Every structure is written in structure tokens, then in C-alpha cells.
Amino acid sequence: MPRNATFTVNEPGLRALHNSGSMSRAVVSAAEQGLARARNAAPRRTGAFAAGFEVVPATVTGGRRNRPRAGALIINEAPYAAYVRKSKAAKSFMSQIVPHVTAVGRGR
């Protein structure tokens, strides 16, 4: 006869995991894979935009309880990055980057 299994979330333990050094390293590693993809896909004239990407460890909010957790941001501080992001080339560029970062973040 099958037995019913139950699972109870250990909230403090899960919170500790989400904010651990190991989790931070894992999400930074995933972001670095996205960074490589961003640099490869970036529109180029001078190469400054592609070279301007960097990964920054960060605390982000998310999950089922919308709590702070380890995260990472891919940023670009080139002076014209905001304009590139709004250009026609950006649509193609972002369509290549976002699915990759999302997939890496889900362990694919």
C-alpha cells in the first residue's frame, strides 16, 4: 500500500541557502555565461559597448515570498549604453541574451 509523503519547508534553512556564499558564486557563474553571450552578440562599431559589460554580485528580491536572495547583474556602463539598448539593433541583441540568461539560471 502506498504511503503519503509530506514535505515541510524549513524557511530559515531555505533563506540561509538563498543567501549563502555558494549560491552567490553559482548565480555569478551563470551571469558570467550570460556576459560572454552579451559580449559576443553586442552591436559593434568601436567595440567599447561590448567591452563595457561586467557582472556585479547583488542582492535581488524574488521567489515565492519575494524575499532578498543572492543574485548578480549584468551591467554596461558605456556612456551610450542606454541609447544602444533602445535602438533597433537592441531588439535582436536582447532577444539573444535574455533567453540564455534565463535558461542558465534554471540550470539548463
C-alpha atoms as a PDB file:
ATOM      1  CA  MET A   1       0.000   0.000   0.000  1.00  0.00           C
ATOM      2  CA  PRO A   2       1.467   3.444  -0.953  1.00  0.00           C
ATOM      3  CA  ARG A   3       2.265   5.829   1.830  1.00  0.00           C
ATOM      4  CA  ASN A   4       1.519   9.505   1.688  1.00  0.00           C
ATOM      5  CA  ALA A   5       4.645  11.620   1.875  1.00  0.00           C
ATOM      6  CA  THR A   6       4.703  15.104   3.300  1.00  0.00           C
ATOM      7  CA  PHE A   7       7.211  17.882   2.928  1.00  0.00           C
ATOM      8  CA  THR A   8       7.582  20.895   5.160  1.00  0.00           C
ATOM      9  CA  VAL A   9       9.802  23.763   4.049  1.00  0.00           C
ATOM     10  CA  ASN A  10      12.474  24.765   6.506  1.00  0.00           C
ATOM     11  CA  GLU A  11      12.132  28.522   5.947  1.00  0.00           C
ATOM     12  CA  PRO A  12      15.245  29.591   7.893  1.00  0.00           C
ATOM     13  CA  GLY A  13      17.311  26.910   6.149  1.00  0.00           C
ATOM     14  CA  LEU A  14      15.996  27.884   2.715  1.00  0.00           C
ATOM     15  CA  ARG A  15      16.683  31.547   3.419  1.00  0.00           C
ATOM     16  CA  ALA A  16      20.227  30.664   4.509  1.00  0.00           C
ATOM     17  CA  LEU A  17      20.722  28.681   1.289  1.00  0.00           C
ATOM     18  CA  HIS A  18      19.423  31.526  -0.881  1.00  0.00           C
ATOM     19  CA  ASN A  19      21.860  33.938   0.764  1.00  0.00           C
ATOM     20  CA  SER A  20      24.859  31.624   1.053  1.00  0.00           C
ATOM     21  CA  GLY A  21      28.265  32.142  -0.495  1.00  0.00           C
ATOM     22  CA  SER A  22      27.726  29.020  -2.597  1.00  0.00           C
ATOM     23  CA  MET A  23      24.505  30.415  -4.060  1.00  0.00           C
ATOM     24  CA  SER A  24      26.174  33.750  -4.742  1.00  0.00           C
ATOM     25  CA  ARG A  25      29.012  32.004  -6.599  1.00  0.00           C
ATOM     26  CA  ALA A  26      26.514  29.934  -8.596  1.00  0.00           C
ATOM     27  CA  VAL A  27      24.467  32.923  -9.771  1.00  0.00           C
ATOM     28  CA  VAL A  28      27.609  34.941 -10.567  1.00  0.00           C
ATOM     29  CA  SER A  29      28.850  31.974 -12.621  1.00  0.00           C
ATOM     30  CA  ALA A  30      25.539  31.862 -14.519  1.00  0.00           C
ATOM     31  CA  ALA A  31      25.717  35.619 -15.098  1.00  0.00           C
ATOM     32  CA  GLU A  32      29.270  35.275 -16.424  1.00  0.00           C
ATOM     33  CA  GLN A  33      27.975  32.848 -19.051  1.00  0.00           C
ATOM     34  CA  GLY A  34      25.364  35.446 -19.980  1.00  0.00           C
ATOM     35  CA  LEU A  35      28.116  38.087 -20.008  1.00  0.00           C
ATOM     36  CA  ALA A  36      30.081  36.123 -22.600  1.00  0.00           C
ATOM     37  CA  ARG A  37      26.946  35.813 -24.710  1.00  0.00           C
ATOM     38  CA  ALA A  38      26.253  39.557 -24.332  1.00  0.00           C
ATOM     39  CA  ARG A  39      29.762  40.472 -25.459  1.00  0.00           C
ATOM     40  CA  ASN A  40      29.528  38.167 -28.472  1.00  0.00           C
ATOM     41  CA  ALA A  41      26.095  39.426 -29.534  1.00  0.00           C
ATOM     42  CA  ALA A  42      26.633  43.145 -28.835  1.00  0.00           C
ATOM     43  CA  PRO A  43      26.395  45.539 -31.791  1.00  0.00           C
ATOM     44  CA  ARG A  44      29.843  46.900 -32.649  1.00  0.00           C
ATOM     45  CA  ARG A  45      31.397  49.923 -34.193  1.00  0.00           C
ATOM     46  CA  THR A  46      34.302  50.537 -31.860  1.00  0.00           C
ATOM     47  CA  GLY A  47      33.971  47.552 -29.517  1.00  0.00           C
ATOM     48  CA  ALA A  48      33.579  49.815 -26.471  1.00  0.00           C
ATOM     49  CA  PHE A  49      29.979  48.726 -25.872  1.00  0.00           C
ATOM     50  CA  ALA A  50      30.879  45.023 -25.987  1.00  0.00           C
ATOM     51  CA  ALA A  51      33.827  45.624 -23.654  1.00  0.00           C
ATOM     52  CA  GLY A  52      31.656  47.641 -21.249  1.00  0.00           C
ATOM     53  CA  PHE A  53      29.765  44.655 -19.835  1.00  0.00           C
ATOM     54  CA  GLU A  54      30.515  43.385 -16.357  1.00  0.00           C
ATOM     55  CA  VAL A  55      28.951  41.108 -13.773  1.00  0.00           C
ATOM     56  CA  VAL A  56      28.160  42.611 -10.377  1.00  0.00           C
ATOM     57  CA  PRO A  57      27.090  40.433  -7.433  1.00  0.00           C
ATOM     58  CA  ALA A  58      23.867  41.823  -5.983  1.00  0.00           C
ATOM     59  CA  THR A  59      21.042  41.090  -3.606  1.00  0.00           C
ATOM     60  CA  VAL A  60      17.834  40.610  -5.580  1.00  0.00           C
ATOM     61  CA  THR A  61      14.255  40.089  -4.480  1.00  0.00           C
ATOM     62  CA  GLY A  62      12.305  37.104  -5.712  1.00  0.00           C
ATOM     63  CA  GLY A  63      10.910  33.692  -5.080  1.00  0.00           C
ATOM     64  CA  ARG A  64       7.542  32.668  -3.786  1.00  0.00           C
ATOM     65  CA  ARG A  65       7.775  35.016  -0.796  1.00  0.00           C
ATOM     66  CA  ASN A  66       9.515  37.857  -2.624  1.00  0.00           C
ATOM     67  CA  ARG A  67      12.455  37.871  -0.224  1.00  0.00           C
ATOM     68  CA  PRO A  68      16.052  39.043  -0.704  1.00  0.00           C
ATOM     69  CA  ARG A  69      18.499  36.493  -2.054  1.00  0.00           C
ATOM     70  CA  ALA A  70      21.883  36.222  -3.727  1.00  0.00           C
ATOM     71  CA  GLY A  71      21.879  37.438  -7.304  1.00  0.00           C
ATOM     72  CA  ALA A  72      24.009  39.008  -9.995  1.00  0.00           C
ATOM     73  CA  LEU A  73      23.522  41.770 -12.533  1.00  0.00           C
ATOM     74  CA  ILE A  74      24.988  42.098 -15.992  1.00  0.00           C
ATOM     75  CA  ILE A  75      25.576  45.805 -16.458  1.00  0.00           C
ATOM     76  CA  ASN A  76      27.093  48.023 -19.110  1.00  0.00           C
ATOM     77  CA  GLU A  77      28.428  51.406 -18.155  1.00  0.00           C
ATOM     78  CA  ALA A  78      29.425  52.597 -21.625  1.00  0.00           C
ATOM     79  CA  PRO A  79      28.289  56.239 -21.876  1.00  0.00           C
ATOM     80  CA  TYR A  80      25.879  55.379 -24.681  1.00  0.00           C
ATOM     81  CA  ALA A  81      24.629  52.005 -23.360  1.00  0.00           C
ATOM     82  CA  ALA A  82      21.113  53.357 -22.712  1.00  0.00           C
ATOM     83  CA  TYR A  83      20.862  54.540 -26.324  1.00  0.00           C
ATOM     84  CA  VAL A  84      22.108  51.238 -27.724  1.00  0.00           C
ATOM     85  CA  ARG A  85      19.537  49.434 -25.577  1.00  0.00           C
ATOM     86  CA  LYS A  86      16.738  51.459 -27.195  1.00  0.00           C
ATOM     87  CA  SER A  87      17.994  51.036 -30.776  1.00  0.00           C
ATOM     88  CA  LYS A  88      16.681  48.640 -33.433  1.00  0.00           C
ATOM     89  CA  ALA A  89      19.799  46.519 -33.017  1.00  0.00           C
ATOM     90  CA  ALA A  90      18.950  46.101 -29.343  1.00  0.00           C
ATOM     91  CA  LYS A  91      15.801  44.109 -30.107  1.00  0.00           C
ATOM     92  CA  SER A  92      17.872  41.440 -31.822  1.00  0.00           C
ATOM     93  CA  PHE A  93      20.615  41.703 -29.222  1.00  0.00           C
ATOM     94  CA  MET A  94      18.291  41.372 -26.215  1.00  0.00           C
ATOM     95  CA  SER A  95      16.352  38.524 -27.808  1.00  0.00           C
ATOM     96  CA  GLN A  96      19.635  36.591 -27.876  1.00  0.00           C
ATOM     97  CA  ILE A  97      20.696  37.426 -24.320  1.00  0.00           C
ATOM     98  CA  VAL A  98      17.584  37.183 -22.149  1.00  0.00           C
ATOM     99  CA  PRO A  99      16.596  33.599 -23.044  1.00  0.00           C
ATOM    100  CA  HIS A 100      20.182  32.474 -22.488  1.00  0.00           C
ATOM    101  CA  VAL A 101      20.483  34.046 -19.040  1.00  0.00           C
ATOM    102  CA  THR A 102      17.067  32.705 -18.061  1.00  0.00           C
ATOM    103  CA  ALA A 103      17.989  29.204 -19.249  1.00  0.00           C
ATOM    104  CA  VAL A 104      21.340  29.260 -17.444  1.00  0.00           C
ATOM    105  CA  GLY A 105      19.582  30.439 -14.305  1.00  0.00           C
ATOM    106  CA  ARG A 106      17.291  27.438 -14.482  1.00  0.00           C
ATOM    107  CA  GLY A 107      20.180  25.004 -14.759  1.00  0.00           C
ATOM    108  CA  ARG A 108      19.912  24.272 -18.465  1.00  0.00           C
END
